[in-house]
């Protein structure tokens, strides 16, 4: 089996390292968009920019030529930010015909209203083979170090989901199959928005009780939007929902949580993102959630507050006070 991993950020590199360490490793090719980065990684056997301190096994082929990376591949794993997925797919359509799955989380743009949708609803019609997503509570650094983790795999074809899960299983990494691609993608996208809220809450010193309440009510919001999109509410009780939400809202390695912490300190969003050096997908996802919630008539007060902080200049403390002033309804709707 030949696996081409497209995108040499932290997560793409971590998956490449993990696959190369399994008991029956496939041939792994890691594609970097930047030729200089590819040369540096190949020479040093380390991704010093995105995953420093992790040795890259010699069996991983590293390069910057996309056509060479995908030639003859039996599986494509896209590890770019989700916003780059449509453009990459358009470049690949004439050069590859293998099944394709992605690691990015969020929404992609569409021409018609509401302007965004889940990735598989666009990519599945553009790609000649089954497509799917890998999601769940999994920081790249810990996966690369071989620490225990678990993910969920969903696809437009049950056979692809099962094959990818079996491929990923090995060492300390567990991979489970889900039959709800909509729910898996929705959970992965919305949790990043909620992690910004959790970081802001912690940065403002609101305590553990507030964070726990935010996670719980945020999960309820996620369930409402996922259901409106056609997903299964029970999916949000699993790895791609609750598991990923808890990790991203509480883990110090969470980029989106760090965005919230910076906002609570009064730092400009541009400065926060520049300091991160990585993409925080919750920033763009907040726009997507805002648009979808309004189009579908779904009430999402926490995500709405994050949108207003990011794009309308609402101070984080005022956003919290506004949410607290709302009259609570029944816990379960």
Protein backbone atom coordinates (compact mmCIF):
# COMPACT_ATOMS: atom_id res chain seq x y z
CA UNK A 1 0.00 0.00 0.00
CA UNK A 2 1.22 3.48 -0.87
CA UNK A 3 -0.09 6.36 1.27
CA UNK A 4 0.47 9.93 0.14
CA UNK A 5 0.09 12.47 2.95
CA UNK A 6 -0.47 15.89 1.45
CA UNK A 7 0.56 18.63 3.82
CA UNK A 8 3.63 18.62 6.04
CA UNK A 9 2.32 20.57 9.00
CA UNK A 10 2.25 19.11 12.49
CA UNK A 11 -0.66 16.73 11.95
CA UNK A 12 0.42 15.48 8.53
CA UNK A 13 3.91 14.85 9.83
CA UNK A 14 2.59 13.08 12.93
CA UNK A 15 0.43 10.72 10.86
CA UNK A 16 3.38 9.96 8.58
CA UNK A 17 5.56 9.12 11.59
CA UNK A 18 2.83 6.98 13.12
CA UNK A 19 2.21 4.98 9.93
CA UNK A 20 5.93 4.42 9.44
CA UNK A 21 6.14 2.90 12.93
CA UNK A 22 3.28 0.40 12.59
CA UNK A 23 4.00 -3.32 12.47
CA UNK A 24 3.13 -3.56 8.77
CA UNK A 25 3.85 -0.06 7.52
CA UNK A 26 2.73 1.12 4.10
CA UNK A 27 5.03 3.09 1.84
CA UNK A 28 4.62 6.65 3.11
CA UNK A 29 5.14 9.79 1.03
CA UNK A 30 4.95 13.18 2.74
CA UNK A 31 4.34 16.17 0.48
CA UNK A 32 5.29 19.70 1.56
CA UNK A 33 4.04 22.70 -0.38
CA UNK A 34 7.27 24.63 0.31
CA UNK A 35 10.32 23.14 -1.51
CA UNK A 36 12.71 24.65 1.04
CA UNK A 37 10.81 22.99 3.89
CA UNK A 38 10.83 19.67 2.04
CA UNK A 39 14.59 19.84 1.52
CA UNK A 40 15.19 20.75 5.15
CA UNK A 41 13.00 17.91 6.42
CA UNK A 42 14.63 15.38 4.11
CA UNK A 43 18.13 16.46 5.14
CA UNK A 44 17.55 16.81 8.89
CA UNK A 45 14.89 14.05 9.21
CA UNK A 46 12.91 16.44 11.37
CA UNK A 47 10.09 18.93 10.82
CA UNK A 48 11.78 21.69 12.78
CA UNK A 49 9.10 24.22 11.88
CA UNK A 50 5.94 22.38 12.90
CA UNK A 51 6.98 19.33 14.94
CA UNK A 52 10.46 19.91 16.39
CA UNK A 53 12.16 17.12 18.28
CA UNK A 54 10.38 14.28 16.47
CA UNK A 55 12.64 12.12 14.30
CA UNK A 56 11.30 11.29 10.84
CA UNK A 57 11.91 7.62 9.99
CA UNK A 58 14.11 7.09 6.96
CA UNK A 59 11.31 5.15 5.26
CA UNK A 60 9.23 8.33 4.81
CA UNK A 61 9.79 9.82 1.36
CA UNK A 62 9.64 13.63 1.54
CA UNK A 63 9.21 15.93 -1.44
CA UNK A 64 7.56 19.04 -2.84
CA UNK A 65 6.39 17.70 -6.22
CA UNK A 66 2.70 16.96 -5.95
CA UNK A 67 2.47 14.76 -9.05
CA UNK A 68 5.28 12.53 -7.76
CA UNK A 69 3.70 12.27 -4.32
CA UNK A 70 0.38 10.99 -5.64
CA UNK A 71 1.61 8.84 -8.54
CA UNK A 72 0.42 5.28 -7.94
CA UNK A 73 -0.80 6.03 -4.43
CA UNK A 74 -3.53 3.77 -3.10
CA UNK A 75 -4.72 6.27 -0.47
CA UNK A 76 -4.50 10.06 -0.22
CA UNK A 77 -4.59 11.73 3.20
CA UNK A 78 -4.94 15.51 2.99
CA UNK A 79 -3.42 17.25 5.99
CA UNK A 80 -3.80 20.87 4.90
CA UNK A 81 -6.15 23.33 6.59
CA UNK A 82 -9.69 22.58 5.45
CA UNK A 83 -9.90 25.83 3.49
CA UNK A 84 -7.15 24.57 1.13
CA UNK A 85 -8.92 21.27 0.41
CA UNK A 86 -11.03 22.33 -2.63
CA UNK A 87 -8.05 23.89 -4.43
CA UNK A 88 -5.89 20.84 -3.78
CA UNK A 89 -8.61 18.51 -5.03
CA UNK A 90 -8.93 20.51 -8.24
CA UNK A 91 -5.19 20.12 -8.83
CA UNK A 92 -5.30 16.39 -8.13
CA UNK A 93 -8.30 15.38 -10.22
CA UNK A 94 -6.23 14.73 -13.34
CA UNK A 95 -3.32 13.05 -11.52
CA UNK A 96 -4.87 10.72 -8.95
CA UNK A 97 -7.82 8.39 -8.58
CA UNK A 98 -7.27 6.87 -5.15
CA UNK A 99 -9.71 7.24 -2.23
CA UNK A 100 -9.21 10.49 -0.37
CA UNK A 101 -9.62 11.40 3.30
CA UNK A 102 -8.78 14.58 5.16
CA UNK A 103 -7.62 15.61 8.61
CA UNK A 104 -8.67 19.27 8.50
CA UNK A 105 -11.70 20.45 10.47
CA UNK A 106 -14.06 23.24 9.54
CA UNK A 107 -16.26 24.36 6.67
CA UNK A 108 -15.52 25.12 3.04
CA UNK A 109 -16.91 27.93 0.93
CA UNK A 110 -19.76 27.49 -1.52
CA UNK A 111 -21.12 29.80 -4.19
CA UNK A 112 -24.72 29.71 -2.97
CA UNK A 113 -26.20 30.60 0.42
CA UNK A 114 -25.34 30.27 3.23
CA UNK A 115 -21.86 30.40 1.70
CA UNK A 116 -20.37 27.44 3.56
CA UNK A 117 -20.94 23.72 3.97
CA UNK A 118 -19.30 20.58 5.26
CA UNK A 119 -16.36 19.45 3.14
CA UNK A 120 -17.74 16.09 2.01
CA UNK A 121 -20.84 17.73 0.52
CA UNK A 122 -18.64 19.41 -2.06
CA UNK A 123 -15.65 17.10 -2.40
CA UNK A 124 -17.67 13.88 -2.85
CA UNK A 125 -19.16 15.20 -6.11
CA UNK A 126 -15.75 16.30 -7.42
CA UNK A 127 -13.75 13.17 -6.62
CA UNK A 128 -14.05 9.91 -8.60
CA UNK A 129 -13.49 7.68 -5.56
CA UNK A 130 -14.95 7.54 -2.03
CA UNK A 131 -13.95 10.30 0.37
CA UNK A 132 -13.96 10.66 4.13
CA UNK A 133 -12.69 12.37 7.27
CA UNK A 134 -10.52 11.46 10.24
CA UNK A 135 -11.42 13.27 13.45
CA UNK A 136 -11.23 12.96 17.20
CA UNK A 137 -9.18 14.07 20.24
CA UNK A 138 -5.65 13.86 18.90
CA UNK A 139 -2.95 16.46 19.36
CA UNK A 140 -0.28 15.93 16.69
CA UNK A 141 2.65 16.11 19.10
CA UNK A 142 1.30 13.33 21.30
CA UNK A 143 0.47 11.07 18.36
CA UNK A 144 3.97 11.59 16.99
CA UNK A 145 5.44 10.65 20.37
CA UNK A 146 3.45 7.43 20.40
CA UNK A 147 1.22 8.37 23.31
CA UNK A 148 -2.26 6.78 23.54
CA UNK A 149 -4.96 8.39 21.40
CA UNK A 150 -8.18 7.47 19.63
CA UNK A 151 -9.83 8.83 16.48
CA UNK A 152 -12.99 8.29 14.47
CA UNK A 153 -13.12 7.62 10.72
CA UNK A 154 -16.19 8.23 8.56
CA UNK A 155 -16.55 8.10 4.80
CA UNK A 156 -19.01 8.10 1.92
CA UNK A 157 -18.29 4.37 1.61
CA UNK A 158 -18.29 2.01 4.58
CA UNK A 159 -15.45 -0.01 3.07
CA UNK A 160 -13.18 3.03 2.92
CA UNK A 161 -13.91 3.98 6.54
CA UNK A 162 -13.08 0.45 7.67
CA UNK A 163 -9.89 0.29 5.58
CA UNK A 164 -8.59 3.64 6.85
CA UNK A 165 -9.38 2.71 10.46
CA UNK A 166 -7.51 -0.57 10.08
CA UNK A 167 -4.57 1.27 8.52
CA UNK A 168 -4.37 3.75 11.38
CA UNK A 169 -4.67 1.20 14.17
CA UNK A 170 -1.30 0.39 15.63
CA UNK A 171 0.86 1.08 18.62
CA UNK A 172 -1.06 3.30 21.02
CA UNK A 173 -3.45 4.72 18.41
CA UNK A 174 -7.00 3.38 18.28
CA UNK A 175 -9.26 4.11 15.30
CA UNK A 176 -13.02 3.56 15.30
CA UNK A 177 -15.47 3.57 12.40
CA UNK A 178 -18.47 5.90 12.28
CA UNK A 179 -21.34 5.74 9.81
CA UNK A 180 -22.15 9.45 10.30
CA UNK A 181 -19.86 11.57 8.16
CA UNK A 182 -22.04 14.65 8.69
CA UNK A 183 -21.87 14.33 12.48
CA UNK A 184 -18.13 13.65 12.48
CA UNK A 185 -17.40 16.70 10.36
CA UNK A 186 -19.82 18.95 12.25
CA UNK A 187 -18.35 17.99 15.61
CA UNK A 188 -14.81 18.61 14.41
CA UNK A 189 -15.67 22.04 13.02
CA UNK A 190 -17.77 23.44 15.85
CA UNK A 191 -15.51 22.30 18.71
CA UNK A 192 -12.81 24.69 17.50
CA UNK A 193 -15.18 27.64 17.90
CA UNK A 194 -16.10 26.51 21.39
CA UNK A 195 -12.42 26.13 22.29
CA UNK A 196 -11.95 29.84 21.61
CA UNK A 197 -14.77 30.52 24.05
CA UNK A 198 -13.21 28.20 26.64
CA UNK A 199 -9.84 29.90 26.30
CA UNK A 200 -11.44 33.32 26.76
CA UNK A 201 -13.34 32.11 29.82
CA UNK A 202 -10.17 30.76 31.40
CA UNK A 203 -8.24 33.88 30.45
CA UNK A 204 -10.82 36.03 32.20
CA UNK A 205 -10.43 33.92 35.33
CA UNK A 206 -13.98 32.55 35.37
CA UNK A 207 -12.88 29.21 36.79
CA UNK A 208 -13.44 25.51 36.29
CA UNK A 209 -17.19 25.63 36.87
CA UNK A 210 -17.64 28.08 34.02
CA UNK A 211 -15.49 25.99 31.69
CA UNK A 212 -17.44 22.83 32.47
CA UNK A 213 -20.74 24.60 31.88
CA UNK A 214 -19.43 26.06 28.63
CA UNK A 215 -18.32 22.66 27.34
CA UNK A 216 -21.65 21.09 28.26
CA UNK A 217 -23.82 23.80 26.74
CA UNK A 218 -21.49 24.00 23.76
CA UNK A 219 -22.03 20.31 23.15
CA UNK A 220 -25.77 20.97 23.16
CA UNK A 221 -25.30 23.68 20.52
CA UNK A 222 -23.20 21.33 18.43
CA UNK A 223 -25.88 18.67 18.60
CA UNK A 224 -28.57 21.08 17.45
CA UNK A 225 -26.64 22.24 14.39
CA UNK A 226 -25.41 18.75 13.50
CA UNK A 227 -28.97 17.42 13.65
CA UNK A 228 -30.20 20.29 11.48
CA UNK A 229 -27.55 19.34 8.93
CA UNK A 230 -28.71 15.71 8.94
CA UNK A 231 -26.23 14.22 11.41
CA UNK A 232 -26.96 11.84 14.28
CA UNK A 233 -27.04 13.42 17.72
CA UNK A 234 -25.41 10.33 19.28
CA UNK A 235 -22.29 10.89 17.17
CA UNK A 236 -21.59 13.94 19.31
CA UNK A 237 -21.31 11.68 22.37
CA UNK A 238 -18.27 10.01 20.81
CA UNK A 239 -14.71 10.81 19.87
CA UNK A 240 -15.50 13.33 17.12
CA UNK A 241 -17.87 15.20 19.43
CA UNK A 242 -17.42 15.15 23.20
CA UNK A 243 -13.91 13.69 23.06
CA UNK A 244 -12.51 16.30 20.71
CA UNK A 245 -14.43 19.10 22.42
CA UNK A 246 -13.03 18.32 25.87
CA UNK A 247 -9.48 18.03 24.57
CA UNK A 248 -9.56 21.24 22.56
CA UNK A 249 -11.22 23.25 25.32
CA UNK A 250 -8.84 22.10 28.06
CA UNK A 251 -5.53 21.07 26.49
CA UNK A 252 -2.63 23.50 26.55
CA UNK A 253 -1.60 22.38 23.04
CA UNK A 254 -4.90 23.65 21.61
CA UNK A 255 -4.34 26.50 19.15
CA UNK A 256 -7.96 27.64 19.33
CA UNK A 257 -7.89 27.72 23.11
CA UNK A 258 -4.77 29.89 22.87
CA UNK A 259 -6.68 32.29 20.61
CA UNK A 260 -9.28 32.68 23.35
CA UNK A 261 -6.62 33.21 26.00
CA UNK A 262 -5.08 35.96 23.89
CA UNK A 263 -8.41 37.65 23.29
CA UNK A 264 -9.07 37.69 27.03
CA UNK A 265 -5.81 39.60 27.48
CA UNK A 266 -6.95 42.22 24.99
CA UNK A 267 -4.51 41.18 22.28
CA UNK A 268 -5.49 41.91 18.66
CA UNK A 269 -6.55 38.83 16.72
CA UNK A 270 -3.93 39.47 14.05
CA UNK A 271 -1.15 39.47 16.65
CA UNK A 272 -2.47 36.29 18.28
CA UNK A 273 -2.53 34.42 14.97
CA UNK A 274 0.92 35.68 13.98
CA UNK A 275 2.33 34.48 17.28
CA UNK A 276 0.75 31.03 16.88
CA UNK A 277 2.61 30.25 13.66
CA UNK A 278 -0.09 27.65 12.89
CA UNK A 279 -3.63 27.84 11.56
CA UNK A 280 -6.35 28.10 14.23
CA UNK A 281 -9.30 26.71 12.30
CA UNK A 282 -11.88 27.95 14.79
CA UNK A 283 -11.43 31.54 13.61
CA UNK A 284 -12.77 30.77 10.14
CA UNK A 285 -15.20 28.16 11.47
CA UNK A 286 -16.89 30.82 13.61
CA UNK A 287 -18.06 32.52 10.40
CA UNK A 288 -19.33 29.23 9.05
CA UNK A 289 -21.26 28.35 12.21
CA UNK A 290 -22.76 31.84 12.33
CA UNK A 291 -23.99 31.60 8.72
CA UNK A 292 -25.33 28.05 9.02
CA UNK A 293 -27.09 28.67 12.33
CA UNK A 294 -28.96 31.62 10.90
CA UNK A 295 -29.88 29.86 7.70
CA UNK A 296 -31.14 26.78 9.51
CA UNK A 297 -32.75 28.63 12.40
CA UNK A 298 -30.58 27.03 15.07
CA UNK A 299 -29.94 28.85 18.33
CA UNK A 300 -26.22 28.83 19.20
CA UNK A 301 -25.56 31.58 21.76
CA UNK A 302 -21.99 30.59 22.66
CA UNK A 303 -20.85 30.32 19.05
CA UNK A 304 -22.70 33.56 18.28
CA UNK A 305 -20.75 35.30 21.04
CA UNK A 306 -17.44 34.00 19.66
CA UNK A 307 -18.35 35.34 16.23
CA UNK A 308 -19.16 38.77 17.67
CA UNK A 309 -15.88 38.88 19.60
CA UNK A 310 -13.83 37.89 16.55
CA UNK A 311 -15.58 39.93 13.87
CA UNK A 312 -17.61 42.68 15.53
CA UNK A 313 -15.20 43.82 18.23
CA UNK A 314 -17.33 42.73 21.20
CA UNK A 315 -15.09 42.54 24.30
CA UNK A 316 -14.87 38.98 25.65
CA UNK A 317 -16.10 40.01 29.11
CA UNK A 318 -19.16 41.71 27.60
CA UNK A 319 -19.85 38.60 25.54
CA UNK A 320 -19.92 36.48 28.69
CA UNK A 321 -22.11 38.97 30.55
CA UNK A 322 -24.55 39.01 27.65
CA UNK A 323 -24.79 35.21 27.63
CA UNK A 324 -25.31 35.10 31.40
CA UNK A 325 -28.14 37.63 31.14
CA UNK A 326 -30.14 35.37 28.82
CA UNK A 327 -33.20 33.70 30.32
CA UNK A 328 -32.43 29.95 30.51
CA UNK A 329 -34.93 27.51 29.07
CA UNK A 330 -35.24 23.74 29.50
CA UNK A 331 -31.87 21.98 29.62
CA UNK A 332 -32.92 19.40 27.04
CA UNK A 333 -34.86 20.46 23.98
